N, C-alpha and C. Protein backbone atom coordinates (compact mmCIF):
# COMPACT_ATOMS: atom_id res chain seq x y z
N MET A 1 0.84 -1.19 0.00
CA MET A 1 0.00 0.00 0.00
C MET A 1 0.88 1.24 0.00
N THR A 2 0.39 2.25 -0.68
CA THR A 2 1.07 3.53 -0.77
C THR A 2 0.06 4.61 -0.40
N ALA A 3 0.51 5.61 0.34
CA ALA A 3 -0.37 6.71 0.70
C ALA A 3 -0.35 7.77 -0.39
N ASP A 4 -1.52 8.37 -0.66
CA ASP A 4 -1.58 9.47 -1.61
C ASP A 4 -1.21 10.77 -0.90
N LYS A 5 -1.34 11.90 -1.60
CA LYS A 5 -0.93 13.19 -1.03
C LYS A 5 -1.78 13.62 0.16
N THR A 6 -2.95 13.01 0.35
CA THR A 6 -3.78 13.34 1.50
C THR A 6 -3.51 12.42 2.68
N GLY A 7 -2.68 11.40 2.45
CA GLY A 7 -2.40 10.41 3.48
C GLY A 7 -3.29 9.18 3.41
N ALA A 8 -4.25 9.17 2.49
CA ALA A 8 -5.13 8.00 2.33
C ALA A 8 -4.34 6.85 1.71
N GLU A 9 -4.59 5.65 2.20
CA GLU A 9 -3.92 4.47 1.66
C GLU A 9 -4.53 4.10 0.31
N THR A 10 -3.67 3.66 -0.59
CA THR A 10 -4.11 3.24 -1.92
C THR A 10 -3.68 1.80 -2.16
N THR A 11 -4.40 1.14 -3.03
CA THR A 11 -4.06 -0.21 -3.45
C THR A 11 -4.21 -0.29 -4.96
N VAL A 12 -3.18 -0.81 -5.62
CA VAL A 12 -3.24 -1.03 -7.07
C VAL A 12 -3.29 -2.53 -7.30
N ARG A 13 -4.26 -2.96 -8.11
CA ARG A 13 -4.42 -4.38 -8.40
C ARG A 13 -4.59 -4.58 -9.90
N ASP A 14 -3.96 -5.64 -10.39
CA ASP A 14 -4.21 -6.05 -11.77
C ASP A 14 -5.62 -6.62 -11.82
N ASN A 15 -6.38 -6.21 -12.82
CA ASN A 15 -7.74 -6.69 -13.03
C ASN A 15 -7.76 -7.32 -14.43
N PRO A 16 -7.25 -8.56 -14.57
CA PRO A 16 -7.09 -9.16 -15.89
C PRO A 16 -8.40 -9.32 -16.66
N ALA A 17 -9.51 -9.49 -15.97
CA ALA A 17 -10.80 -9.63 -16.66
C ALA A 17 -11.14 -8.37 -17.45
N GLU A 18 -10.71 -7.23 -16.94
CA GLU A 18 -10.95 -5.95 -17.61
C GLU A 18 -9.73 -5.46 -18.38
N ARG A 19 -8.62 -6.21 -18.28
CA ARG A 19 -7.34 -5.83 -18.90
C ARG A 19 -6.92 -4.43 -18.46
N ARG A 20 -6.83 -4.27 -17.15
CA ARG A 20 -6.42 -2.98 -16.61
C ARG A 20 -5.94 -3.15 -15.17
N TYR A 21 -5.20 -2.16 -14.72
CA TYR A 21 -4.84 -2.05 -13.32
C TYR A 21 -5.81 -1.03 -12.70
N ASP A 22 -6.36 -1.37 -11.55
CA ASP A 22 -7.27 -0.48 -10.84
C ASP A 22 -6.56 0.10 -9.63
N ILE A 23 -6.82 1.37 -9.34
CA ILE A 23 -6.33 1.96 -8.11
C ILE A 23 -7.53 2.25 -7.22
N HIS A 24 -7.45 1.75 -6.00
CA HIS A 24 -8.49 1.94 -5.00
C HIS A 24 -7.93 2.80 -3.89
N VAL A 25 -8.79 3.63 -3.32
CA VAL A 25 -8.41 4.52 -2.23
C VAL A 25 -9.28 4.18 -1.02
N ASP A 26 -8.64 4.12 0.15
CA ASP A 26 -9.41 3.91 1.37
C ASP A 26 -10.38 5.08 1.54
N ALA A 27 -11.62 4.75 1.80
CA ALA A 27 -12.66 5.75 1.97
C ALA A 27 -13.60 5.28 3.07
N PRO A 28 -14.41 6.20 3.61
CA PRO A 28 -15.38 5.77 4.61
C PRO A 28 -16.26 4.66 4.05
N GLY A 29 -16.37 3.58 4.78
CA GLY A 29 -17.19 2.46 4.35
C GLY A 29 -16.48 1.46 3.45
N GLY A 30 -15.18 1.67 3.19
CA GLY A 30 -14.45 0.71 2.37
C GLY A 30 -13.58 1.38 1.33
N GLU A 31 -13.28 0.64 0.28
CA GLU A 31 -12.43 1.17 -0.78
C GLU A 31 -13.28 1.79 -1.89
N ALA A 32 -12.70 2.82 -2.51
CA ALA A 32 -13.35 3.44 -3.67
C ALA A 32 -12.44 3.28 -4.88
N LEU A 33 -13.00 2.88 -6.01
CA LEU A 33 -12.24 2.81 -7.24
C LEU A 33 -12.01 4.24 -7.71
N ALA A 34 -10.73 4.62 -7.81
CA ALA A 34 -10.39 6.00 -8.16
C ALA A 34 -9.90 6.14 -9.59
N GLY A 35 -9.44 5.05 -10.20
CA GLY A 35 -8.94 5.15 -11.56
C GLY A 35 -8.43 3.82 -12.06
N PHE A 36 -7.92 3.85 -13.30
CA PHE A 36 -7.42 2.62 -13.91
C PHE A 36 -6.45 2.94 -15.03
N ALA A 37 -5.63 1.96 -15.35
CA ALA A 37 -4.71 2.02 -16.49
C ALA A 37 -4.98 0.79 -17.35
N GLU A 38 -5.48 1.02 -18.56
CA GLU A 38 -5.84 -0.08 -19.45
C GLU A 38 -4.63 -0.56 -20.24
N TYR A 39 -4.63 -1.87 -20.52
CA TYR A 39 -3.54 -2.46 -21.29
C TYR A 39 -4.06 -3.60 -22.15
N ARG A 40 -3.24 -3.97 -23.11
CA ARG A 40 -3.43 -5.21 -23.87
C ARG A 40 -2.07 -5.88 -23.96
N ASP A 41 -2.06 -7.19 -23.90
CA ASP A 41 -0.81 -7.95 -24.02
C ASP A 41 -0.63 -8.40 -25.46
N ARG A 42 0.58 -8.18 -25.97
CA ARG A 42 0.91 -8.48 -27.37
C ARG A 42 2.15 -9.35 -27.40
N VAL A 43 2.08 -10.44 -28.15
CA VAL A 43 3.25 -11.30 -28.31
C VAL A 43 4.00 -10.83 -29.55
N SER A 44 5.29 -10.58 -29.38
CA SER A 44 6.13 -10.16 -30.49
C SER A 44 7.40 -11.00 -30.48
N GLY A 45 8.35 -10.65 -31.31
CA GLY A 45 9.59 -11.43 -31.39
C GLY A 45 9.43 -12.57 -32.38
N THR A 46 10.18 -13.62 -32.15
CA THR A 46 10.16 -14.77 -33.05
C THR A 46 9.56 -15.98 -32.34
N ASP A 47 9.27 -17.01 -33.11
CA ASP A 47 8.75 -18.24 -32.50
C ASP A 47 9.75 -18.83 -31.51
N ASP A 48 11.04 -18.68 -31.81
CA ASP A 48 12.08 -19.21 -30.93
C ASP A 48 12.30 -18.34 -29.70
N ALA A 49 12.02 -17.05 -29.83
CA ALA A 49 12.24 -16.12 -28.72
C ALA A 49 11.09 -15.12 -28.63
N PRO A 50 9.91 -15.59 -28.24
CA PRO A 50 8.77 -14.67 -28.15
C PRO A 50 8.93 -13.72 -26.96
N THR A 51 8.38 -12.55 -27.11
CA THR A 51 8.37 -11.53 -26.06
C THR A 51 6.93 -11.10 -25.86
N THR A 52 6.51 -10.99 -24.61
CA THR A 52 5.17 -10.47 -24.35
C THR A 52 5.30 -9.02 -23.93
N GLU A 53 4.61 -8.17 -24.68
CA GLU A 53 4.59 -6.74 -24.39
C GLU A 53 3.27 -6.39 -23.71
N ARG A 54 3.36 -5.62 -22.65
CA ARG A 54 2.16 -5.07 -22.02
C ARG A 54 2.04 -3.64 -22.54
N VAL A 55 1.06 -3.45 -23.40
CA VAL A 55 0.87 -2.17 -24.08
C VAL A 55 -0.16 -1.35 -23.30
N PHE A 56 0.32 -0.30 -22.63
CA PHE A 56 -0.56 0.59 -21.87
C PHE A 56 -1.08 1.67 -22.82
N PHE A 57 -2.41 1.73 -22.99
CA PHE A 57 -2.95 2.66 -23.98
C PHE A 57 -3.90 3.72 -23.42
N HIS A 58 -4.33 3.59 -22.17
CA HIS A 58 -5.24 4.60 -21.61
C HIS A 58 -5.16 4.56 -20.09
N THR A 59 -5.06 5.74 -19.49
CA THR A 59 -5.06 5.87 -18.04
C THR A 59 -6.07 6.94 -17.66
N GLU A 60 -6.82 6.68 -16.62
CA GLU A 60 -7.86 7.62 -16.21
C GLU A 60 -7.98 7.62 -14.69
N VAL A 61 -8.09 8.83 -14.12
CA VAL A 61 -8.38 8.98 -12.69
C VAL A 61 -9.64 9.83 -12.59
N ASP A 62 -10.57 9.37 -11.77
CA ASP A 62 -11.82 10.10 -11.56
C ASP A 62 -11.49 11.52 -11.08
N PRO A 63 -12.08 12.55 -11.71
CA PRO A 63 -11.79 13.93 -11.29
C PRO A 63 -12.05 14.19 -9.81
N ALA A 64 -12.95 13.43 -9.20
CA ALA A 64 -13.21 13.60 -7.77
C ALA A 64 -11.98 13.29 -6.93
N PHE A 65 -11.01 12.56 -7.50
CA PHE A 65 -9.79 12.18 -6.79
C PHE A 65 -8.57 12.94 -7.32
N GLY A 66 -8.80 13.96 -8.13
CA GLY A 66 -7.70 14.69 -8.75
C GLY A 66 -6.81 15.40 -7.75
N GLY A 67 -5.56 15.62 -8.15
CA GLY A 67 -4.60 16.37 -7.34
C GLY A 67 -4.00 15.61 -6.18
N ARG A 68 -4.22 14.32 -6.14
CA ARG A 68 -3.74 13.51 -5.01
C ARG A 68 -2.54 12.64 -5.37
N GLY A 69 -2.08 12.75 -6.62
CA GLY A 69 -0.94 11.94 -7.04
C GLY A 69 -1.28 10.51 -7.39
N LEU A 70 -2.56 10.24 -7.59
CA LEU A 70 -2.99 8.86 -7.83
C LEU A 70 -2.53 8.32 -9.18
N ALA A 71 -2.49 9.17 -10.20
CA ALA A 71 -2.04 8.70 -11.52
C ALA A 71 -0.60 8.21 -11.45
N THR A 72 0.24 8.95 -10.74
CA THR A 72 1.64 8.55 -10.60
C THR A 72 1.76 7.23 -9.84
N ILE A 73 1.02 7.10 -8.75
CA ILE A 73 1.05 5.86 -7.98
C ILE A 73 0.58 4.70 -8.85
N LEU A 74 -0.52 4.90 -9.55
CA LEU A 74 -1.08 3.86 -10.41
C LEU A 74 -0.09 3.41 -11.47
N VAL A 75 0.49 4.37 -12.19
CA VAL A 75 1.43 4.01 -13.26
C VAL A 75 2.66 3.33 -12.69
N ARG A 76 3.23 3.88 -11.62
CA ARG A 76 4.44 3.28 -11.04
C ARG A 76 4.19 1.83 -10.63
N GLU A 77 3.11 1.58 -9.92
CA GLU A 77 2.85 0.23 -9.44
C GLU A 77 2.47 -0.73 -10.57
N ALA A 78 1.77 -0.23 -11.59
CA ALA A 78 1.45 -1.07 -12.75
C ALA A 78 2.73 -1.46 -13.49
N LEU A 79 3.64 -0.50 -13.67
CA LEU A 79 4.90 -0.80 -14.35
C LEU A 79 5.76 -1.75 -13.53
N GLU A 80 5.78 -1.58 -12.23
CA GLU A 80 6.54 -2.50 -11.37
C GLU A 80 5.99 -3.92 -11.50
N ASP A 81 4.68 -4.05 -11.52
CA ASP A 81 4.07 -5.37 -11.66
C ASP A 81 4.41 -5.98 -13.02
N ALA A 82 4.31 -5.20 -14.07
CA ALA A 82 4.63 -5.70 -15.41
C ALA A 82 6.08 -6.15 -15.48
N ARG A 83 6.98 -5.35 -14.91
CA ARG A 83 8.40 -5.72 -14.93
C ARG A 83 8.63 -6.99 -14.12
N ALA A 84 7.98 -7.13 -12.97
CA ALA A 84 8.14 -8.33 -12.14
C ALA A 84 7.67 -9.59 -12.87
N ARG A 85 6.75 -9.42 -13.81
CA ARG A 85 6.24 -10.55 -14.59
C ARG A 85 7.06 -10.77 -15.87
N ASN A 86 8.16 -10.05 -16.00
CA ASN A 86 9.03 -10.13 -17.18
C ASN A 86 8.30 -9.74 -18.47
N LEU A 87 7.38 -8.80 -18.36
CA LEU A 87 6.69 -8.27 -19.53
C LEU A 87 7.43 -7.02 -20.00
N THR A 88 7.46 -6.80 -21.29
CA THR A 88 8.06 -5.60 -21.85
C THR A 88 6.99 -4.52 -21.90
N ILE A 89 7.31 -3.34 -21.39
CA ILE A 89 6.37 -2.24 -21.26
C ILE A 89 6.40 -1.38 -22.52
N VAL A 90 5.22 -1.10 -23.07
CA VAL A 90 5.09 -0.19 -24.20
C VAL A 90 4.11 0.91 -23.77
N GLY A 91 4.58 2.14 -23.73
CA GLY A 91 3.78 3.26 -23.24
C GLY A 91 3.13 4.06 -24.35
N VAL A 92 1.99 3.60 -24.85
CA VAL A 92 1.23 4.35 -25.85
C VAL A 92 0.49 5.50 -25.17
N CYS A 93 -0.07 5.26 -24.01
CA CYS A 93 -0.77 6.28 -23.25
C CYS A 93 0.19 7.44 -22.96
N PRO A 94 -0.21 8.69 -23.24
CA PRO A 94 0.69 9.82 -23.00
C PRO A 94 1.17 9.92 -21.55
N LEU A 95 0.33 9.58 -20.60
CA LEU A 95 0.74 9.64 -19.19
C LEU A 95 1.83 8.61 -18.90
N VAL A 96 1.65 7.40 -19.39
CA VAL A 96 2.66 6.35 -19.19
C VAL A 96 3.94 6.73 -19.92
N ALA A 97 3.82 7.23 -21.14
CA ALA A 97 5.00 7.63 -21.92
C ALA A 97 5.78 8.73 -21.19
N SER A 98 5.07 9.70 -20.65
CA SER A 98 5.72 10.79 -19.91
C SER A 98 6.42 10.26 -18.66
N PHE A 99 5.77 9.36 -17.95
CA PHE A 99 6.36 8.76 -16.76
C PHE A 99 7.65 8.03 -17.14
N LEU A 100 7.62 7.27 -18.22
CA LEU A 100 8.80 6.51 -18.64
C LEU A 100 9.96 7.44 -19.02
N LYS A 101 9.66 8.58 -19.64
CA LYS A 101 10.72 9.54 -19.99
C LYS A 101 11.38 10.11 -18.74
N LYS A 102 10.60 10.31 -17.69
CA LYS A 102 11.12 10.88 -16.44
C LYS A 102 11.81 9.84 -15.56
N HIS A 103 11.63 8.57 -15.87
CA HIS A 103 12.16 7.50 -15.02
C HIS A 103 12.96 6.51 -15.86
N PRO A 104 14.21 6.86 -16.16
CA PRO A 104 15.04 5.99 -17.01
C PRO A 104 15.33 4.62 -16.40
N GLU A 105 15.04 4.45 -15.13
CA GLU A 105 15.27 3.15 -14.51
C GLU A 105 14.39 2.05 -15.10
N TYR A 106 13.39 2.44 -15.89
CA TYR A 106 12.54 1.45 -16.55
C TYR A 106 13.00 1.13 -17.97
N ALA A 107 14.06 1.77 -18.43
CA ALA A 107 14.51 1.62 -19.82
C ALA A 107 14.79 0.16 -20.18
N ASP A 108 15.28 -0.62 -19.23
CA ASP A 108 15.59 -2.02 -19.51
C ASP A 108 14.35 -2.88 -19.73
N ALA A 109 13.19 -2.35 -19.39
CA ALA A 109 11.95 -3.13 -19.49
C ALA A 109 10.97 -2.54 -20.49
N THR A 110 11.43 -1.60 -21.33
CA THR A 110 10.51 -0.94 -22.25
C THR A 110 10.87 -1.22 -23.71
N ALA A 111 9.88 -1.05 -24.55
CA ALA A 111 10.06 -1.11 -26.00
C ALA A 111 9.38 0.13 -26.58
N PRO A 112 9.85 0.59 -27.72
CA PRO A 112 9.26 1.81 -28.30
C PRO A 112 7.87 1.55 -28.88
N VAL A 113 7.12 2.63 -28.97
CA VAL A 113 5.84 2.58 -29.67
C VAL A 113 6.16 2.63 -31.16
N THR A 114 5.71 1.62 -31.88
CA THR A 114 5.99 1.53 -33.31
C THR A 114 4.68 1.57 -34.10
N PRO A 115 4.76 1.83 -35.40
CA PRO A 115 3.54 1.76 -36.21
C PRO A 115 2.86 0.39 -36.10
N ALA A 116 3.64 -0.67 -35.98
CA ALA A 116 3.05 -2.01 -35.85
C ALA A 116 2.24 -2.14 -34.57
N VAL A 117 2.73 -1.56 -33.48
CA VAL A 117 1.99 -1.60 -32.21
C VAL A 117 0.69 -0.81 -32.34
N LEU A 118 0.76 0.37 -32.94
CA LEU A 118 -0.44 1.19 -33.09
C LEU A 118 -1.47 0.52 -33.99
N GLU A 119 -1.01 -0.10 -35.06
CA GLU A 119 -1.93 -0.83 -35.95
C GLU A 119 -2.57 -2.00 -35.21
N TRP A 120 -1.77 -2.71 -34.43
CA TRP A 120 -2.28 -3.84 -33.64
C TRP A 120 -3.36 -3.37 -32.67
N LEU A 121 -3.14 -2.21 -32.02
CA LEU A 121 -4.14 -1.68 -31.09
C LEU A 121 -5.45 -1.35 -31.80
N ARG A 122 -5.36 -0.85 -33.01
CA ARG A 122 -6.56 -0.49 -33.77
C ARG A 122 -7.33 -1.72 -34.25
N SER A 123 -6.67 -2.86 -34.28
CA SER A 123 -7.34 -4.06 -34.81
C SER A 123 -8.22 -4.74 -33.78
């Protein structure tokens, strides 16, 4: 768990049924869903050496939770989870792409956004 800027505890969980990571915030009466980062998994590489890419294409935080640093917490924890699973991160979402530019420590786990990735997302 990580605290947001107000001190509220947050939890980020992979939600594979929805193909997204959800961020929940402790609230009176339980947890509240505050946002999510959507992804699709893409197999690339060769048959002998396949690579699974986790392509992040959309991130959203409910405006009611704005200004609390939740997007940063969500993206950081989603990327950490993807890296722990040996997935290659592709940041199509502008928020994820910006985060990756500011955090070169993820360079070893990322792949560039290519026309092939964008075409695959549209399909």
